[in-house]
N, C-alpha and C. Protein backbone atom coordinates (compact mmCIF):
# COMPACT_ATOMS: atom_id res chain seq x y z
N MET A 1 69.99 -210.21 67.31
CA MET A 1 70.48 -210.31 65.66
C MET A 1 71.43 -211.01 65.93
N ALA A 2 72.49 -210.62 66.98
CA ALA A 2 74.03 -210.67 66.60
C ALA A 2 74.18 -212.74 67.26
N ARG A 3 73.01 -212.93 67.48
CA ARG A 3 72.84 -214.50 68.06
C ARG A 3 72.88 -215.28 66.34
N TYR A 4 71.85 -214.58 65.74
CA TYR A 4 70.99 -215.17 64.81
C TYR A 4 72.15 -215.04 63.80
N GLN A 5 73.37 -214.49 63.57
CA GLN A 5 74.03 -213.78 62.69
C GLN A 5 75.06 -215.34 63.08
N ASP A 6 75.55 -215.63 64.43
CA ASP A 6 76.41 -216.56 64.95
C ASP A 6 75.88 -217.92 64.63
N GLY A 7 74.24 -218.58 63.77
CA GLY A 7 73.86 -219.02 63.72
C GLY A 7 73.41 -219.80 64.70
N ASP A 8 72.72 -219.38 65.99
CA ASP A 8 71.29 -219.95 66.82
C ASP A 8 70.16 -219.52 66.45
N ALA A 9 69.82 -220.83 65.72
CA ALA A 9 68.00 -220.88 65.24
C ALA A 9 66.91 -220.46 66.13
N SER A 10 67.16 -220.93 67.70
CA SER A 10 66.60 -219.95 68.30
C SER A 10 66.23 -218.59 67.82
N ALA A 11 67.38 -218.08 67.86
CA ALA A 11 67.48 -216.20 67.88
C ALA A 11 66.86 -215.98 66.47
N PHE A 12 66.32 -216.22 65.24
CA PHE A 12 65.43 -216.64 64.11
C PHE A 12 64.37 -216.39 64.50
N ARG A 13 63.92 -217.70 65.31
CA ARG A 13 62.66 -217.71 65.87
C ARG A 13 62.13 -216.69 66.19
N GLU A 14 62.55 -216.00 67.37
CA GLU A 14 62.64 -215.22 68.46
C GLU A 14 62.69 -213.58 67.78
N LEU A 15 63.56 -213.40 66.87
CA LEU A 15 63.39 -212.32 65.40
C LEU A 15 62.27 -212.27 64.86
N TYR A 16 62.09 -213.23 64.56
CA TYR A 16 60.57 -213.46 63.34
C TYR A 16 59.59 -212.99 64.32
N ALA A 17 59.22 -213.82 65.49
CA ALA A 17 58.03 -213.56 66.28
C ALA A 17 57.75 -211.92 66.85
N GLN A 18 59.09 -210.75 66.92
CA GLN A 18 58.96 -210.45 67.42
C GLN A 18 58.57 -208.64 66.57
N VAL A 19 59.33 -209.47 65.28
CA VAL A 19 59.41 -208.27 63.71
C VAL A 19 57.82 -208.13 62.97
N ALA A 20 58.04 -210.05 62.59
CA ALA A 20 57.16 -209.94 61.38
C ALA A 20 55.39 -209.73 61.60
N PRO A 21 54.51 -209.55 62.64
CA PRO A 21 53.75 -209.07 62.86
C PRO A 21 53.55 -207.56 62.17
N ARG A 22 54.65 -206.93 62.66
CA ARG A 22 54.90 -205.21 62.55
C ARG A 22 54.97 -205.16 60.79
N LEU A 23 56.06 -206.16 60.44
CA LEU A 23 56.54 -205.74 59.19
C LEU A 23 55.18 -206.27 58.13
N LEU A 24 54.67 -207.18 58.89
CA LEU A 24 53.13 -208.12 57.83
C LEU A 24 52.17 -206.34 57.92
N GLY A 25 52.01 -206.21 58.89
CA GLY A 25 51.18 -204.86 59.00
C GLY A 25 51.75 -203.59 58.08
N TYR A 26 53.29 -203.52 58.01
CA TYR A 26 53.54 -202.16 57.24
C TYR A 26 53.31 -202.86 55.84
N LEU A 27 53.69 -203.71 55.51
CA LEU A 27 53.26 -204.43 53.88
C LEU A 27 51.91 -204.54 53.48
N MET A 28 50.86 -205.51 54.14
CA MET A 28 49.53 -204.62 54.08
C MET A 28 48.96 -203.55 54.00
N LYS A 29 49.72 -202.51 54.25
CA LYS A 29 49.24 -201.20 54.12
C LYS A 29 49.96 -200.59 53.03
N MET A 30 50.99 -200.96 52.31
CA MET A 30 51.55 -200.76 51.47
C MET A 30 51.07 -201.20 50.07
N ALA A 31 50.99 -202.89 50.28
CA ALA A 31 50.28 -203.68 49.09
C ALA A 31 48.69 -203.80 49.22
N ARG A 32 48.10 -203.48 49.84
CA ARG A 32 46.52 -203.43 50.27
C ARG A 32 46.25 -204.68 49.83
N GLU A 33 46.90 -205.56 49.77
CA GLU A 33 46.07 -207.46 49.37
C GLU A 33 47.05 -208.17 50.67
N LYS A 34 46.30 -209.10 51.04
CA LYS A 34 46.77 -209.91 51.89
C LYS A 34 47.75 -211.13 51.84
N ALA A 35 47.40 -211.41 50.33
CA ALA A 35 48.17 -212.51 49.71
C ALA A 35 49.79 -212.11 49.41
N VAL A 36 49.79 -210.98 49.03
CA VAL A 36 51.24 -210.27 48.24
C VAL A 36 51.72 -210.10 49.57
N ALA A 37 51.31 -209.38 50.59
CA ALA A 37 51.49 -208.56 51.99
C ALA A 37 52.52 -210.32 52.68
N ASP A 38 51.83 -211.15 52.48
CA ASP A 38 52.20 -212.32 53.01
C ASP A 38 53.41 -213.02 52.67
N ASP A 39 53.59 -212.88 50.83
CA ASP A 39 54.10 -213.25 49.99
C ASP A 39 55.87 -212.44 50.39
N LEU A 40 55.19 -210.89 50.51
CA LEU A 40 56.65 -210.55 50.75
C LEU A 40 57.04 -210.28 51.70
N LEU A 41 56.28 -210.91 53.15
CA LEU A 41 56.68 -211.01 54.25
C LEU A 41 57.80 -212.28 54.00
N GLN A 42 57.59 -213.28 53.76
CA GLN A 42 58.52 -213.82 53.40
C GLN A 42 59.61 -213.71 52.70
N GLN A 43 59.41 -213.47 51.48
CA GLN A 43 60.39 -212.96 50.75
C GLN A 43 61.70 -211.94 51.40
N THR A 44 61.22 -211.20 52.18
CA THR A 44 62.14 -210.24 52.95
C THR A 44 62.52 -211.19 53.95
N PHE A 45 62.08 -211.96 54.91
CA PHE A 45 62.72 -213.03 55.67
C PHE A 45 64.30 -213.69 55.40
N LEU A 46 63.86 -214.25 53.64
CA LEU A 46 64.08 -214.75 52.72
C LEU A 46 65.84 -214.13 52.67
N LYS A 47 65.55 -212.90 52.42
CA LYS A 47 66.68 -211.86 52.27
C LYS A 47 67.65 -211.55 53.52
N ILE A 48 66.41 -211.48 54.29
CA ILE A 48 67.38 -211.01 55.42
C ILE A 48 68.21 -212.07 55.94
N HIS A 49 67.52 -213.06 55.88
CA HIS A 49 68.74 -214.85 56.11
C HIS A 49 69.66 -214.26 55.19
N ARG A 50 69.81 -214.47 54.10
CA ARG A 50 70.72 -214.33 52.83
C ARG A 50 72.06 -213.35 53.27
N ALA A 51 71.26 -211.52 53.49
CA ALA A 51 72.22 -210.91 54.20
C ALA A 51 72.61 -211.00 55.77
N ARG A 52 72.29 -211.53 56.52
CA ARG A 52 72.50 -211.57 57.85
C ARG A 52 73.57 -211.23 58.12
N GLY A 53 74.64 -211.37 56.98
CA GLY A 53 76.56 -211.57 57.33
C GLY A 53 76.43 -209.71 57.11
N ALA A 54 75.71 -209.01 56.46
CA ALA A 54 75.72 -207.68 56.13
C ALA A 54 75.64 -206.88 57.26
N TYR A 55 74.43 -207.28 58.05
CA TYR A 55 74.11 -206.43 59.14
C TYR A 55 75.20 -205.92 60.40
N VAL A 56 74.78 -204.71 60.62
CA VAL A 56 76.08 -204.21 61.25
C VAL A 56 75.91 -204.37 62.94
N ARG A 57 76.51 -205.43 63.54
CA ARG A 57 76.47 -205.50 64.63
C ARG A 57 76.40 -204.54 65.70
N GLY A 58 75.37 -204.63 66.94
CA GLY A 58 75.11 -203.46 67.52
C GLY A 58 74.33 -202.17 67.35
N ALA A 59 73.77 -202.61 65.64
CA ALA A 59 73.11 -201.25 65.58
C ALA A 59 71.52 -201.78 65.54
N ASP A 60 70.57 -200.79 65.27
CA ASP A 60 69.21 -201.36 65.38
C ASP A 60 68.21 -202.06 64.57
N PRO A 61 68.45 -203.48 64.46
CA PRO A 61 68.01 -204.34 63.56
C PRO A 61 67.00 -203.75 62.14
N LEU A 62 66.08 -202.78 63.30
CA LEU A 62 64.99 -202.64 62.60
C LEU A 62 64.62 -202.41 61.49
N PRO A 63 65.33 -201.12 61.09
CA PRO A 63 65.44 -200.29 60.41
C PRO A 63 65.55 -200.79 59.20
N TRP A 64 67.08 -201.33 59.39
CA TRP A 64 67.69 -202.81 58.05
C TRP A 64 66.42 -203.53 57.48
N ILE A 65 66.28 -203.84 58.94
CA ILE A 65 64.89 -204.82 58.49
C ILE A 65 64.17 -204.18 57.48
N TYR A 66 63.44 -202.93 57.66
CA TYR A 66 62.09 -202.56 57.28
C TYR A 66 62.94 -201.85 56.11
N SER A 67 63.79 -201.59 55.40
CA SER A 67 64.33 -201.50 54.24
C SER A 67 64.68 -202.30 53.56
N ILE A 68 64.53 -203.42 53.89
CA ILE A 68 64.81 -204.66 52.99
C ILE A 68 63.35 -205.22 52.53
N ALA A 69 62.32 -205.19 54.01
CA ALA A 69 60.83 -205.19 53.10
C ALA A 69 60.77 -203.98 52.30
N HIS A 70 60.95 -203.02 52.64
CA HIS A 70 60.72 -201.56 51.24
C HIS A 70 61.53 -201.82 50.03
N ARG A 71 62.72 -202.85 50.22
CA ARG A 71 62.77 -202.43 48.25
C ARG A 71 62.46 -204.12 48.15
N THR A 72 62.12 -204.81 48.39
CA THR A 72 61.14 -206.17 48.31
C THR A 72 59.52 -205.86 47.66
N PHE A 73 58.95 -204.61 48.36
CA PHE A 73 57.54 -204.16 48.08
C PHE A 73 57.89 -203.31 46.67
N ILE A 74 58.84 -203.02 46.83
CA ILE A 74 59.12 -201.56 45.59
C ILE A 74 59.56 -202.76 44.25
N ASP A 75 60.03 -204.00 44.19
CA ASP A 75 60.57 -204.47 43.46
C ASP A 75 59.52 -205.57 42.90
N GLU A 76 58.12 -206.07 43.99
CA GLU A 76 57.13 -206.27 43.53
C GLU A 76 56.41 -205.53 43.36
N ALA A 77 56.20 -204.23 42.53
CA ALA A 77 55.29 -203.56 42.46
C ALA A 77 56.34 -203.13 41.34
N ARG A 78 57.34 -203.39 41.18
CA ARG A 78 58.02 -203.23 39.06
C ARG A 78 57.37 -204.23 39.02
N LYS A 79 57.57 -205.71 39.25
CA LYS A 79 57.23 -206.80 38.15
C LYS A 79 56.01 -206.68 38.06
N ARG A 80 55.03 -206.13 39.03
CA ARG A 80 53.39 -206.35 38.79
C ARG A 80 53.47 -205.18 37.42
N LYS A 81 53.97 -203.75 37.39
CA LYS A 81 53.63 -202.92 36.70
C LYS A 81 53.64 -203.34 35.34
N ARG A 82 55.08 -204.57 35.07
CA ARG A 82 55.43 -205.17 33.88
C ARG A 82 54.67 -206.27 33.29
N ALA A 83 53.68 -206.53 34.11
CA ALA A 83 52.40 -207.86 33.98
C ALA A 83 51.61 -207.45 33.72
N VAL A 84 51.00 -206.12 33.80
CA VAL A 84 49.49 -205.86 33.97
C VAL A 84 48.48 -206.43 32.95
N VAL A 85 48.00 -206.98 33.66
CA VAL A 85 46.43 -208.21 32.99
C VAL A 85 45.22 -207.57 33.65
N ASN A 86 44.17 -207.49 32.40
CA ASN A 86 43.12 -207.02 32.35
C ASN A 86 41.55 -207.97 32.68
N VAL A 87 41.46 -207.44 33.66
CA VAL A 87 40.42 -207.81 34.19
C VAL A 87 38.81 -207.11 34.22
N ALA A 88 37.35 -207.61 33.52
CA ALA A 88 36.56 -206.48 33.67
C ALA A 88 36.06 -206.28 35.26
N ASP A 89 35.66 -205.27 35.41
CA ASP A 89 35.16 -205.29 36.58
C ASP A 89 34.61 -206.29 37.48
N GLU A 90 33.98 -206.55 36.66
CA GLU A 90 32.47 -207.33 36.95
C GLU A 90 32.82 -208.36 36.76
N ASP A 91 33.93 -209.07 37.03
CA ASP A 91 34.60 -210.34 37.22
C ASP A 91 35.39 -210.58 38.55
N VAL A 92 35.61 -208.92 39.50
CA VAL A 92 36.24 -209.16 40.83
C VAL A 92 35.01 -209.10 41.74
N PRO A 93 34.54 -209.68 42.45
CA PRO A 93 34.04 -209.09 43.40
C PRO A 93 34.71 -207.95 44.59
N GLU A 94 33.62 -207.49 44.77
CA GLU A 94 34.15 -205.95 45.88
C GLU A 94 34.18 -206.75 47.38
N VAL A 95 35.10 -207.45 47.85
CA VAL A 95 34.39 -207.04 49.57
C VAL A 95 35.68 -206.51 50.04
N ALA A 96 34.40 -205.81 51.32
CA ALA A 96 35.35 -204.65 52.25
C ALA A 96 36.23 -205.61 53.53
N ALA A 97 37.66 -205.05 52.96
CA ALA A 97 37.84 -205.96 54.39
C ALA A 97 39.06 -204.80 54.87
N GLY A 98 39.48 -205.30 56.76
CA GLY A 98 40.23 -204.64 57.30
C GLY A 98 41.53 -205.01 56.67
N LEU A 99 42.63 -204.48 57.40
CA LEU A 99 43.67 -204.88 57.40
C LEU A 99 43.97 -206.14 57.88
N ASP A 100 43.61 -206.38 59.10
CA ASP A 100 43.46 -207.63 59.02
C ASP A 100 43.17 -208.91 58.02
N GLY A 101 42.42 -208.97 57.62
CA GLY A 101 41.17 -209.43 56.30
C GLY A 101 40.27 -209.51 56.96
N GLU A 102 39.68 -208.89 58.06
CA GLU A 102 38.54 -209.33 58.51
C GLU A 102 37.47 -208.81 57.32
N THR A 103 36.23 -208.96 56.70
CA THR A 103 35.31 -208.70 56.27
C THR A 103 34.90 -207.71 56.88
N ALA A 104 34.27 -206.59 56.41
CA ALA A 104 33.75 -205.32 57.42
C ALA A 104 32.52 -205.54 57.82
N GLU A 105 31.47 -206.79 57.50
CA GLU A 105 30.62 -207.09 58.06
C GLU A 105 30.70 -207.94 59.21
N ARG A 106 31.95 -208.59 59.34
CA ARG A 106 32.19 -209.05 60.86
C ARG A 106 32.82 -208.19 61.46
N ARG A 107 33.10 -206.86 61.35
CA ARG A 107 33.83 -206.24 62.15
C ARG A 107 33.12 -205.97 63.15
N ASP A 108 33.87 -205.43 65.03
CA ASP A 108 32.84 -204.93 65.68
C ASP A 108 33.83 -204.50 66.43
N ASP A 109 34.56 -203.60 66.01
CA ASP A 109 35.41 -202.65 67.08
C ASP A 109 35.01 -201.46 66.40
N GLY A 110 33.86 -201.12 65.88
CA GLY A 110 33.63 -199.53 66.13
C GLY A 110 34.05 -198.96 65.38
N VAL A 111 34.72 -198.82 64.14
CA VAL A 111 34.87 -198.30 62.91
C VAL A 111 34.35 -198.81 61.67
N ASP A 112 34.02 -197.69 61.23
CA ASP A 112 32.84 -197.02 60.22
C ASP A 112 33.58 -198.06 58.91
N PRO A 113 33.01 -199.11 58.57
CA PRO A 113 34.07 -200.02 57.29
C PRO A 113 34.02 -198.87 55.86
N GLU A 114 32.90 -197.74 55.92
CA GLU A 114 32.80 -197.29 54.75
C GLU A 114 33.56 -196.11 54.67
N LEU A 115 34.05 -195.71 55.83
CA LEU A 115 34.94 -195.03 56.26
C LEU A 115 36.63 -195.60 55.77
N SER A 116 36.62 -196.04 56.63
CA SER A 116 37.59 -197.28 56.44
C SER A 116 38.17 -197.31 54.69
N ARG A 117 37.42 -197.80 53.92
CA ARG A 117 37.52 -198.17 52.60
C ARG A 117 37.79 -196.92 52.12
N ALA A 118 37.50 -196.00 52.50
CA ALA A 118 37.61 -194.12 51.81
C ALA A 118 39.11 -193.92 51.79
N ALA A 119 39.09 -194.01 53.06
CA ALA A 119 40.97 -194.04 53.93
C ALA A 119 41.81 -194.63 53.07
N LEU A 120 41.23 -196.18 52.51
CA LEU A 120 42.49 -196.87 52.09
C LEU A 120 42.55 -196.66 51.01
N ASP A 121 41.68 -196.57 49.92
CA ASP A 121 40.81 -195.82 48.70
C ASP A 121 41.86 -194.68 48.37
N ALA A 122 41.86 -193.62 49.49
CA ALA A 122 41.86 -192.22 48.95
C ALA A 122 43.43 -193.06 49.30
N LEU A 123 44.45 -193.60 50.10
CA LEU A 123 46.06 -193.98 50.39
C LEU A 123 46.57 -194.44 49.21
N ALA A 124 45.49 -195.21 48.69
CA ALA A 124 46.03 -196.14 47.52
C ALA A 124 46.80 -195.12 46.52
N GLN A 125 45.50 -193.84 46.20
CA GLN A 125 45.32 -192.78 45.53
C GLN A 125 46.85 -192.16 45.15
N LEU A 126 47.52 -192.01 46.08
CA LEU A 126 48.86 -191.05 46.49
C LEU A 126 50.06 -191.74 45.98
N PRO A 127 50.81 -191.02 45.40
CA PRO A 127 52.02 -191.95 44.68
C PRO A 127 52.81 -191.93 45.79
N GLU A 128 53.42 -193.37 45.31
CA GLU A 128 54.04 -194.27 46.25
C GLU A 128 54.66 -193.58 47.04
N GLN A 129 55.82 -192.91 47.16
CA GLN A 129 56.31 -192.32 47.94
C GLN A 129 55.39 -191.35 49.43
N GLN A 130 54.79 -190.73 48.54
CA GLN A 130 54.01 -189.80 49.73
C GLN A 130 53.07 -191.15 50.28
N ARG A 131 52.12 -192.06 50.20
CA ARG A 131 52.13 -192.77 50.38
C ARG A 131 52.70 -193.86 51.71
N GLU A 132 54.04 -194.01 50.86
CA GLU A 132 55.05 -194.65 52.06
C GLU A 132 55.40 -194.10 52.70
N ALA A 133 55.36 -192.75 52.85
CA ALA A 133 55.50 -191.70 54.06
C ALA A 133 54.40 -191.44 55.06
N VAL A 134 53.39 -191.66 54.67
CA VAL A 134 51.99 -191.89 54.97
C VAL A 134 52.08 -193.12 56.07
N VAL A 135 52.08 -194.21 55.83
CA VAL A 135 52.24 -195.58 56.29
C VAL A 135 53.40 -195.86 57.05
N LEU A 136 54.70 -195.02 57.13
CA LEU A 136 55.42 -194.96 58.03
C LEU A 136 55.29 -194.22 59.40
N THR A 137 55.11 -192.87 59.06
CA THR A 137 55.15 -192.23 60.13
C THR A 137 53.93 -191.72 61.21
N LYS A 138 52.64 -192.07 60.01
CA LYS A 138 51.10 -192.30 60.89
C LYS A 138 50.74 -193.62 61.06
N LEU A 139 50.49 -194.58 60.06
CA LEU A 139 50.02 -195.57 60.65
C LEU A 139 51.02 -197.08 61.47
N ASP A 140 52.12 -196.78 61.28
CA ASP A 140 53.92 -197.31 61.83
C ASP A 140 53.78 -196.92 62.71
N GLY A 141 53.69 -195.73 63.08
CA GLY A 141 54.24 -194.72 64.31
C GLY A 141 55.63 -194.40 64.42
N LYS A 142 56.34 -194.84 63.34
CA LYS A 142 57.92 -194.26 62.99
C LYS A 142 58.27 -192.83 63.09
N SER A 143 59.15 -192.53 63.67
CA SER A 143 59.28 -191.12 63.52
C SER A 143 60.42 -190.79 61.98
N VAL A 144 60.26 -189.19 61.80
CA VAL A 144 60.55 -189.31 60.83
C VAL A 144 61.96 -189.75 60.27
N ALA A 145 62.41 -189.29 61.18
CA ALA A 145 64.21 -190.39 61.23
C ALA A 145 64.26 -191.52 60.45
N GLU A 146 63.50 -192.44 61.53
CA GLU A 146 63.09 -193.90 61.28
C GLU A 146 62.85 -193.95 59.52
N ALA A 147 61.76 -193.22 59.28
CA ALA A 147 61.16 -193.58 58.09
C ALA A 147 62.06 -193.20 57.39
N ALA A 148 62.61 -192.28 57.12
CA ALA A 148 64.03 -191.84 56.24
C ALA A 148 64.75 -192.61 56.04
N GLU A 149 65.13 -193.21 56.95
CA GLU A 149 66.29 -194.36 56.80
C GLU A 149 65.68 -195.36 56.08
N ILE A 150 64.48 -196.08 56.56
CA ILE A 150 63.79 -197.16 55.73
C ILE A 150 63.27 -196.83 54.69
N ALA A 151 63.33 -195.32 54.04
CA ALA A 151 62.98 -195.19 52.36
C ALA A 151 64.25 -194.86 52.32
N GLY A 152 65.45 -194.85 52.79
CA GLY A 152 66.68 -194.38 52.13
C GLY A 152 66.94 -192.86 51.55
N THR A 153 65.91 -192.17 52.22
CA THR A 153 66.20 -190.60 52.02
C THR A 153 66.33 -190.05 53.10
N THR A 154 66.30 -188.87 52.77
CA THR A 154 66.60 -187.82 53.71
C THR A 154 65.54 -187.44 54.99
N VAL A 155 65.72 -187.23 56.22
CA VAL A 155 64.72 -186.53 57.44
C VAL A 155 64.04 -185.38 56.43
N GLY A 156 65.07 -184.33 55.80
CA GLY A 156 63.69 -183.68 54.71
C GLY A 156 63.21 -183.83 54.14
N ALA A 157 63.47 -184.74 53.19
CA ALA A 157 62.68 -185.35 51.99
C ALA A 157 61.54 -186.23 52.51
N MET A 158 61.56 -186.88 53.71
CA MET A 158 60.54 -187.65 54.43
C MET A 158 59.66 -186.28 54.84
N LYS A 159 59.85 -185.81 55.38
CA LYS A 159 59.40 -184.43 55.79
C LYS A 159 57.97 -183.95 54.85
N VAL A 160 59.12 -183.41 53.94
CA VAL A 160 58.32 -183.05 52.58
C VAL A 160 56.91 -184.02 52.19
N ARG A 161 57.79 -185.26 51.90
CA ARG A 161 56.48 -186.56 50.89
C ARG A 161 55.09 -186.62 52.19
N ALA A 162 55.78 -186.81 53.54
CA ALA A 162 54.64 -187.19 54.45
C ALA A 162 53.52 -185.66 54.43
N HIS A 163 54.01 -184.74 54.37
CA HIS A 163 53.05 -183.23 54.53
C HIS A 163 52.78 -183.72 53.31
N ARG A 164 52.49 -184.01 51.96
CA ARG A 164 52.32 -183.49 50.65
C ARG A 164 51.66 -184.77 50.85
N GLY A 165 51.82 -186.09 51.25
CA GLY A 165 50.61 -186.89 51.14
C GLY A 165 49.57 -186.69 52.29
N TYR A 166 49.61 -186.00 53.08
CA TYR A 166 48.74 -185.68 54.56
C TYR A 166 47.61 -184.59 53.66
N GLU A 167 48.64 -183.63 52.67
CA GLU A 167 47.51 -182.63 52.30
C GLU A 167 46.60 -183.49 51.45
N ALA A 168 47.39 -184.39 50.61
CA ALA A 168 46.83 -184.92 49.13
C ALA A 168 45.48 -186.07 49.80
N LEU A 169 45.32 -186.74 50.94
CA LEU A 169 44.66 -187.28 51.39
C LEU A 169 43.61 -186.38 52.15
N ARG A 170 43.46 -185.47 52.74
CA ARG A 170 43.06 -184.68 53.20
C ARG A 170 42.44 -183.98 51.91
N LYS A 171 42.70 -183.70 50.93
CA LYS A 171 41.90 -183.23 49.89
C LYS A 171 40.64 -184.27 48.58
N LEU A 172 41.62 -185.82 49.25
CA LEU A 172 40.81 -186.65 48.88
C LEU A 172 40.12 -187.12 49.43
N LEU A 173 39.94 -187.09 50.77
CA LEU A 173 38.88 -187.31 51.22
C LEU A 173 37.72 -186.34 51.64
N GLY A 174 37.75 -185.39 51.22
CA GLY A 174 37.22 -183.73 51.08
C GLY A 174 37.18 -182.84 52.16
N GLY A 175 38.13 -182.90 52.93
CA GLY A 175 38.48 -182.17 54.08
C GLY A 175 39.01 -180.90 53.74
N LYS A 176 38.38 -180.04 54.58
CA LYS A 176 39.49 -178.49 53.79
C LYS A 176 40.74 -177.96 54.24
N PRO A 177 41.45 -177.77 53.48
CA PRO A 177 42.46 -177.93 53.44
C PRO A 177 43.32 -176.41 54.50
N LYS A 178 44.63 -177.64 55.29
CA LYS A 178 44.88 -176.49 56.36
C LYS A 178 45.61 -175.23 55.82
N GLU A 179 45.17 -174.37 56.41
CA GLU A 179 45.66 -173.03 55.92
C GLU A 179 46.72 -172.62 56.99
N ALA A 180 47.79 -171.84 56.06
CA ALA A 180 48.90 -171.31 56.90
C ALA A 180 48.28 -169.91 57.95
N PRO A 181 48.92 -170.07 59.39
CA PRO A 181 48.72 -169.07 60.03
C PRO A 181 48.94 -167.44 59.51
N ARG A 182 48.25 -166.98 60.02
CA ARG A 182 48.02 -165.50 59.33
C ARG A 182 48.90 -164.68 60.32
N LYS A 183 49.45 -163.57 59.50
CA LYS A 183 50.41 -163.17 60.55
C LYS A 183 49.83 -161.96 61.48
N ALA A 184 49.63 -161.02 62.12
CA ALA A 184 48.52 -160.07 62.40
C ALA A 184 49.16 -159.52 61.74
N ALA A 185 47.86 -158.28 61.09
CA ALA A 185 48.44 -157.11 60.67
C ALA A 185 48.74 -155.95 61.58
N GLY A 186 49.63 -154.51 61.20
CA GLY A 186 50.70 -153.65 61.57
C GLY A 186 49.89 -153.59 63.01
N GLY A 187 48.76 -152.88 62.90
CA GLY A 187 48.26 -152.05 63.92
C GLY A 187 47.02 -153.30 65.03
N ALA A 188 46.63 -152.06 66.15
CA ALA A 188 45.32 -153.03 66.74
C ALA A 188 43.48 -152.43 66.22
N SER A 189 42.70 -153.30 66.45
CA SER A 189 42.00 -153.09 65.60
C SER A 189 41.11 -152.54 67.30
């Protein structure tokens, strides 16, 4: 990142090659549309380019980059909420696609397309903060601290969001709610 700040064009290409695939995966999980995720990825890198002078040298660039991507997603979501378009359900063909854009019929990875679709639909129903917490901690494999830094919140708040998101997903997918461990009663039986 320091080389990129100094104007080394090859450093940008290296940064893009290392970060873009993971960032695109994150944006796909958040936006659920490949075209939107691709646009958000390009907007994110444009913002990174414009803000490269604000990056603190020596710091891990990933949380900084993910927070820019997160804010870009939030901005796009707000724009879309303001520009609601009414489309009849029968006008839009429904094709189940994986996160990589492949249709379910072409997938040979052993993943049940129906179950994948149900999980993604359930994920989409979560409130935005809970969805983001689940995506960052479970699907992207970030630590709670990394996820909190990306989302611009505290570790405690991220833990609560993630827990509530997991419980909501469990309920939406028809799983039994996780019970709290019971304390043993005072005597032996």
